[in-house]
Amino acid sequence: MVGHQIAIDKVSMECKQPIRRGRRAGFSLIELLIVVAIILIIAAIAIPNLLRARIASNESSAAASVRSISTAEISYNAAYPTLGYAAALANLGGPASGCLPSSATACILDNSLSSGTKSGYSFLAAGFASGGTANVTFVGSSAPLSFNQSGVRNFCIVTDGVLRSNPGTAGGVPAPDVPTCQSYAIAQ
């Protein structure tokens, strides 16, 4: 009888407990909106930093490319002393394959740089004669293709080998001549 009483008490206890409804697995709409809001806040913080990092990378590449143009101009002058410095950026490069050095295509610079654009920047190289036929000075310069997106500074270098920079402007063009480049501040 005691065994039956325990069984009856157990059944009566089960009946007194409230019936629990099973909660469906998943997230509520509010929980999902909170997660989306947090992701948007993180993205709003991170995206400007990513853009600044990309601009810094492009500017570093542009400065290095302008230095490469200077080295190529000096090499061109040594290889073709009767011509002096290269008259144009294309004279420092060459075809993608099978390049045979000549005064028209010296094969000193890579194709991407000698084409005039690289890493969000446009490039220019020009040699200038002073009373004779040989180019005695040169300028190598760059400007961002999309101001405030691919870069914010222009870079240039002339015969003296000093890298200079200038705050760029929307629609800016590379320094076209030696006096323009020399008006830029010396890059630190």
C-alpha atoms as a PDB file:
ATOM      1  CA  MET A   1       0.000   0.000   0.000  1.00  0.00           C
ATOM      2  CA  VAL A   2       2.832   2.335   0.764  1.00  0.00           C
ATOM      3  CA  GLY A   3       4.200   1.651  -2.720  1.00  0.00           C
ATOM      4  CA  HIS A   4       0.818   2.539  -4.229  1.00  0.00           C
ATOM      5  CA  GLN A   5       0.621   5.747  -2.173  1.00  0.00           C
ATOM      6  CA  ILE A   6       4.021   6.911  -3.474  1.00  0.00           C
ATOM      7  CA  ALA A   7       2.964   6.244  -7.045  1.00  0.00           C
ATOM      8  CA  ILE A   8      -0.285   8.190  -6.527  1.00  0.00           C
ATOM      9  CA  ASP A   9       1.569  11.116  -4.927  1.00  0.00           C
ATOM     10  CA  LYS A  10       3.976  11.155  -7.845  1.00  0.00           C
ATOM     11  CA  VAL A  11       1.148  11.259 -10.365  1.00  0.00           C
ATOM     12  CA  SER A  12      -0.659  13.987  -8.441  1.00  0.00           C
ATOM     13  CA  MET A  13       2.552  16.062  -8.309  1.00  0.00           C
ATOM     14  CA  GLU A  14       2.967  15.746 -12.050  1.00  0.00           C
ATOM     15  CA  CYS A  15      -0.568  16.959 -12.560  1.00  0.00           C
ATOM     16  CA  LYS A  16      -0.049  20.006 -10.319  1.00  0.00           C
ATOM     17  CA  GLN A  17       2.968  21.229 -12.264  1.00  0.00           C
ATOM     18  CA  PRO A  18       2.165  23.705 -15.032  1.00  0.00           C
ATOM     19  CA  ILE A  19       2.346  22.413 -18.542  1.00  0.00           C
ATOM     20  CA  ARG A  20       5.432  23.773 -20.271  1.00  0.00           C
ATOM     21  CA  ARG A  21       5.223  24.709 -23.869  1.00  0.00           C
ATOM     22  CA  GLY A  22       8.350  23.975 -25.899  1.00  0.00           C
ATOM     23  CA  ARG A  23      10.090  27.153 -27.052  1.00  0.00           C
ATOM     24  CA  ARG A  24      11.062  27.035 -30.703  1.00  0.00           C
ATOM     25  CA  ALA A  25      14.760  27.147 -31.447  1.00  0.00           C
ATOM     26  CA  GLY A  26      16.091  30.279 -33.194  1.00  0.00           C
ATOM     27  CA  PHE A  27      16.455  33.993 -32.680  1.00  0.00           C
ATOM     28  CA  SER A  28      13.790  36.585 -32.222  1.00  0.00           C
ATOM     29  CA  LEU A  29      13.565  39.548 -34.581  1.00  0.00           C
ATOM     30  CA  ILE A  30      14.895  41.915 -31.913  1.00  0.00           C
ATOM     31  CA  GLU A  31      17.954  39.743 -31.304  1.00  0.00           C
ATOM     32  CA  LEU A  32      18.712  39.694 -35.027  1.00  0.00           C
ATOM     33  CA  LEU A  33      18.312  43.480 -35.291  1.00  0.00           C
ATOM     34  CA  ILE A  34      20.724  43.985 -32.389  1.00  0.00           C
ATOM     35  CA  VAL A  35      23.341  41.771 -34.051  1.00  0.00           C
ATOM     36  CA  VAL A  36      22.940  43.629 -37.369  1.00  0.00           C
ATOM     37  CA  ALA A  37      23.263  46.998 -35.583  1.00  0.00           C
ATOM     38  CA  ILE A  38      26.480  45.886 -33.881  1.00  0.00           C
ATOM     39  CA  ILE A  39      27.924  44.714 -37.209  1.00  0.00           C
ATOM     40  CA  LEU A  40      27.049  48.054 -38.822  1.00  0.00           C
ATOM     41  CA  ILE A  41      28.726  49.978 -35.989  1.00  0.00           C
ATOM     42  CA  ILE A  42      31.897  47.905 -36.355  1.00  0.00           C
ATOM     43  CA  ALA A  43      31.859  48.424 -40.141  1.00  0.00           C
ATOM     44  CA  ALA A  44      31.400  52.192 -39.708  1.00  0.00           C
ATOM     45  CA  ILE A  45      34.501  52.249 -37.522  1.00  0.00           C
ATOM     46  CA  ALA A  46      36.622  49.918 -39.692  1.00  0.00           C
ATOM     47  CA  ILE A  47      35.914  51.148 -43.257  1.00  0.00           C
ATOM     48  CA  PRO A  48      37.555  54.602 -42.926  1.00  0.00           C
ATOM     49  CA  ASN A  49      40.651  52.935 -41.456  1.00  0.00           C
ATOM     50  CA  LEU A  50      40.771  50.521 -44.393  1.00  0.00           C
ATOM     51  CA  LEU A  51      40.516  53.402 -46.865  1.00  0.00           C
ATOM     52  CA  ARG A  52      43.310  55.306 -45.117  1.00  0.00           C
ATOM     53  CA  ALA A  53      45.481  52.177 -45.169  1.00  0.00           C
ATOM     54  CA  ARG A  54      44.851  51.734 -48.904  1.00  0.00           C
ATOM     55  CA  ILE A  55      45.711  55.388 -49.573  1.00  0.00           C
ATOM     56  CA  ALA A  56      48.925  55.061 -47.556  1.00  0.00           C
ATOM     57  CA  SER A  57      49.840  51.932 -49.501  1.00  0.00           C
ATOM     58  CA  ASN A  58      49.189  53.612 -52.854  1.00  0.00           C
ATOM     59  CA  GLU A  59      51.224  56.668 -51.824  1.00  0.00           C
ATOM     60  CA  SER A  60      54.129  54.502 -50.722  1.00  0.00           C
ATOM     61  CA  SER A  61      54.022  52.687 -54.058  1.00  0.00           C
ATOM     62  CA  ALA A  62      53.883  56.002 -55.947  1.00  0.00           C
ATOM     63  CA  ALA A  63      56.898  57.401 -54.090  1.00  0.00           C
ATOM     64  CA  ALA A  64      58.872  54.215 -54.787  1.00  0.00           C
ATOM     65  CA  SER A  65      57.814  54.305 -58.447  1.00  0.00           C
ATOM     66  CA  VAL A  66      58.971  57.930 -58.819  1.00  0.00           C
ATOM     67  CA  ARG A  67      62.332  56.915 -57.357  1.00  0.00           C
ATOM     68  CA  SER A  68      62.437  54.037 -59.881  1.00  0.00           C
ATOM     69  CA  ILE A  69      61.794  56.535 -62.678  1.00  0.00           C
ATOM     70  CA  SER A  70      64.738  58.611 -61.430  1.00  0.00           C
ATOM     71  CA  THR A  71      67.034  55.577 -61.398  1.00  0.00           C
ATOM     72  CA  ALA A  72      65.827  54.594 -64.870  1.00  0.00           C
ATOM     73  CA  GLU A  73      66.470  58.118 -66.185  1.00  0.00           C
ATOM     74  CA  ILE A  74      70.053  58.015 -64.873  1.00  0.00           C
ATOM     75  CA  SER A  75      70.570  54.580 -66.451  1.00  0.00           C
ATOM     76  CA  TYR A  76      69.098  55.822 -69.740  1.00  0.00           C
ATOM     77  CA  ASN A  77      71.434  58.828 -69.703  1.00  0.00           C
ATOM     78  CA  ALA A  78      74.412  56.513 -69.134  1.00  0.00           C
ATOM     79  CA  ALA A  79      73.318  54.167 -71.944  1.00  0.00           C
ATOM     80  CA  TYR A  80      72.482  56.919 -74.477  1.00  0.00           C
ATOM     81  CA  PRO A  81      74.694  59.917 -73.627  1.00  0.00           C
ATOM     82  CA  THR A  82      74.072  61.634 -76.963  1.00  0.00           C
ATOM     83  CA  LEU A  83      70.338  61.762 -76.149  1.00  0.00           C
ATOM     84  CA  GLY A  84      70.663  62.534 -72.450  1.00  0.00           C
ATOM     85  CA  TYR A  85      67.662  61.734 -70.308  1.00  0.00           C
ATOM     86  CA  ALA A  86      64.628  59.973 -71.815  1.00  0.00           C
ATOM     87  CA  ALA A  87      62.158  62.279 -73.498  1.00  0.00           C
ATOM     88  CA  ALA A  88      59.109  60.317 -72.274  1.00  0.00           C
ATOM     89  CA  LEU A  89      58.136  57.612 -69.805  1.00  0.00           C
ATOM     90  CA  ALA A  90      57.489  55.133 -72.633  1.00  0.00           C
ATOM     91  CA  ASN A  91      61.168  55.387 -73.664  1.00  0.00           C
ATOM     92  CA  LEU A  92      62.161  53.866 -70.319  1.00  0.00           C
ATOM     93  CA  GLY A  93      59.943  50.774 -70.713  1.00  0.00           C
ATOM     94  CA  GLY A  94      59.363  48.273 -73.445  1.00  0.00           C
ATOM     95  CA  PRO A  95      57.052  45.518 -74.684  1.00  0.00           C
ATOM     96  CA  ALA A  96      55.761  42.843 -72.313  1.00  0.00           C
ATOM     97  CA  SER A  97      58.032  40.168 -73.734  1.00  0.00           C
ATOM     98  CA  GLY A  98      61.065  40.040 -75.961  1.00  0.00           C
ATOM     99  CA  CYS A  99      62.328  43.492 -75.128  1.00  0.00           C
ATOM    100  CA  LEU A 100      65.382  44.586 -77.091  1.00  0.00           C
ATOM    101  CA  PRO A 101      66.903  47.747 -75.583  1.00  0.00           C
ATOM    102  CA  SER A 102      66.993  50.800 -77.813  1.00  0.00           C
ATOM    103  CA  SER A 103      66.618  54.521 -77.318  1.00  0.00           C
ATOM    104  CA  ALA A 104      62.870  54.201 -78.056  1.00  0.00           C
ATOM    105  CA  THR A 105      62.313  51.306 -75.608  1.00  0.00           C
ATOM    106  CA  ALA A 106      65.199  51.005 -73.172  1.00  0.00           C
ATOM    107  CA  CYS A 107      63.625  48.082 -71.212  1.00  0.00           C
ATOM    108  CA  ILE A 108      64.651  49.640 -67.891  1.00  0.00           C
ATOM    109  CA  LEU A 109      61.205  50.011 -66.247  1.00  0.00           C
ATOM    110  CA  ASP A 110      58.457  47.422 -65.986  1.00  0.00           C
ATOM    111  CA  ASN A 111      55.456  47.658 -68.308  1.00  0.00           C
ATOM    112  CA  SER A 112      52.922  48.654 -65.661  1.00  0.00           C
ATOM    113  CA  LEU A 113      54.922  51.717 -64.656  1.00  0.00           C
ATOM    114  CA  SER A 114      56.042  52.710 -68.155  1.00  0.00           C
ATOM    115  CA  SER A 115      52.396  52.574 -69.312  1.00  0.00           C
ATOM    116  CA  GLY A 116      51.709  55.608 -67.110  1.00  0.00           C
ATOM    117  CA  THR A 117      49.417  54.163 -64.415  1.00  0.00           C
ATOM    118  CA  LYS A 118      50.094  51.970 -61.413  1.00  0.00           C
ATOM    119  CA  SER A 119      48.480  51.480 -57.975  1.00  0.00           C
ATOM    120  CA  GLY A 120      45.907  54.254 -58.390  1.00  0.00           C
ATOM    121  CA  TYR A 121      48.420  56.846 -59.605  1.00  0.00           C
ATOM    122  CA  SER A 122      49.284  58.341 -62.992  1.00  0.00           C
ATOM    123  CA  PHE A 123      52.951  58.872 -63.841  1.00  0.00           C
ATOM    124  CA  LEU A 124      54.936  61.153 -66.105  1.00  0.00           C
ATOM    125  CA  ALA A 125      58.601  61.327 -67.072  1.00  0.00           C
ATOM    126  CA  ALA A 126      60.041  63.951 -69.380  1.00  0.00           C
ATOM    127  CA  GLY A 127      63.504  65.066 -70.396  1.00  0.00           C
ATOM    128  CA  PHE A 128      64.351  68.664 -71.273  1.00  0.00           C
ATOM    129  CA  ALA A 129      67.112  70.034 -73.485  1.00  0.00           C
ATOM    130  CA  SER A 130      68.777  73.332 -72.754  1.00  0.00           C
ATOM    131  CA  GLY A 131      70.166  74.840 -75.938  1.00  0.00           C
ATOM    132  CA  GLY A 132      71.408  71.527 -77.378  1.00  0.00           C
ATOM    133  CA  THR A 133      69.911  68.297 -78.606  1.00  0.00           C
ATOM    134  CA  ALA A 134      70.592  66.183 -75.507  1.00  0.00           C
ATOM    135  CA  ASN A 135      68.172  66.313 -72.602  1.00  0.00           C
ATOM    136  CA  VAL A 136      70.126  67.688 -69.637  1.00  0.00           C
ATOM    137  CA  THR A 137      67.356  67.643 -67.027  1.00  0.00           C
ATOM    138  CA  PHE A 138      64.346  65.450 -66.324  1.00  0.00           C
ATOM    139  CA  VAL A 139      61.267  65.288 -64.163  1.00  0.00           C
ATOM    140  CA  GLY A 140      59.522  62.142 -62.944  1.00  0.00           C
ATOM    141  CA  SER A 141      56.198  62.735 -61.252  1.00  0.00           C
ATOM    142  CA  SER A 142      52.934  61.194 -60.132  1.00  0.00           C
ATOM    143  CA  ALA A 143      49.404  62.237 -59.161  1.00  0.00           C
ATOM    144  CA  PRO A 144      46.486  60.205 -57.755  1.00  0.00           C
ATOM    145  CA  LEU A 145      43.950  59.039 -60.332  1.00  0.00           C
ATOM    146  CA  SER A 146      41.071  59.479 -57.862  1.00  0.00           C
ATOM    147  CA  PHE A 147      41.856  62.146 -55.314  1.00  0.00           C
ATOM    148  CA  ASN A 148      41.012  61.100 -51.737  1.00  0.00           C
ATOM    149  CA  GLN A 149      40.372  57.523 -52.864  1.00  0.00           C
ATOM    150  CA  SER A 150      43.635  56.318 -54.378  1.00  0.00           C
ATOM    151  CA  GLY A 151      45.826  59.017 -52.808  1.00  0.00           C
ATOM    152  CA  VAL A 152      46.048  62.568 -51.509  1.00  0.00           C
ATOM    153  CA  ARG A 153      49.614  63.605 -52.413  1.00  0.00           C
ATOM    154  CA  ASN A 154      51.553  64.215 -55.617  1.00  0.00           C
ATOM    155  CA  PHE A 155      55.202  63.126 -55.828  1.00  0.00           C
ATOM    156  CA  CYS A 156      58.029  64.225 -58.105  1.00  0.00           C
ATOM    157  CA  ILE A 157      61.763  64.014 -58.545  1.00  0.00           C
ATOM    158  CA  VAL A 158      64.154  65.926 -60.783  1.00  0.00           C
ATOM    159  CA  THR A 159      67.790  65.630 -61.791  1.00  0.00           C
ATOM    160  CA  ASP A 160      68.988  66.400 -58.240  1.00  0.00           C
ATOM    161  CA  GLY A 161      67.420  63.105 -57.016  1.00  0.00           C
ATOM    162  CA  VAL A 162      65.426  64.668 -54.157  1.00  0.00           C
ATOM    163  CA  LEU A 163      61.911  63.285 -53.716  1.00  0.00           C
ATOM    164  CA  ARG A 164      59.325  66.020 -53.290  1.00  0.00           C
ATOM    165  CA  SER A 165      55.628  65.888 -52.418  1.00  0.00           C
ATOM    166  CA  ASN A 166      52.714  68.238 -52.630  1.00  0.00           C
ATOM    167  CA  PRO A 167      49.146  67.964 -51.369  1.00  0.00           C
ATOM    168  CA  GLY A 168      47.179  66.775 -54.361  1.00  0.00           C
ATOM    169  CA  THR A 169      43.944  68.219 -55.653  1.00  0.00           C
ATOM    170  CA  ALA A 170      40.924  66.759 -57.363  1.00  0.00           C
ATOM    171  CA  GLY A 171      41.732  66.323 -61.052  1.00  0.00           C
ATOM    172  CA  GLY A 172      45.432  66.845 -60.336  1.00  0.00           C
ATOM    173  CA  VAL A 173      48.079  66.055 -62.917  1.00  0.00           C
ATOM    174  CA  PRO A 174      51.705  65.029 -62.398  1.00  0.00           C
ATOM    175  CA  ALA A 175      54.253  67.871 -62.281  1.00  0.00           C
ATOM    176  CA  PRO A 176      54.966  68.559 -65.979  1.00  0.00           C
ATOM    177  CA  ASP A 177      58.331  70.307 -65.614  1.00  0.00           C
ATOM    178  CA  VAL A 178      61.334  70.900 -63.365  1.00  0.00           C
ATOM    179  CA  PRO A 179      60.236  74.304 -61.912  1.00  0.00           C
ATOM    180  CA  THR A 180      56.845  72.908 -60.917  1.00  0.00           C
ATOM    181  CA  CYS A 181      58.469  69.961 -59.166  1.00  0.00           C
ATOM    182  CA  GLN A 182      61.010  72.168 -57.415  1.00  0.00           C
ATOM    183  CA  SER A 183      58.147  74.200 -55.928  1.00  0.00           C
ATOM    184  CA  TYR A 184      56.978  71.070 -54.037  1.00  0.00           C
ATOM    185  CA  ALA A 185      58.150  70.509 -50.458  1.00  0.00           C
ATOM    186  CA  ILE A 186      60.899  67.965 -49.854  1.00  0.00           C
ATOM    187  CA  ALA A 187      59.309  64.660 -48.797  1.00  0.00           C
ATOM    188  CA  GLN A 188      60.156  63.530 -45.291  1.00  0.00           C
END
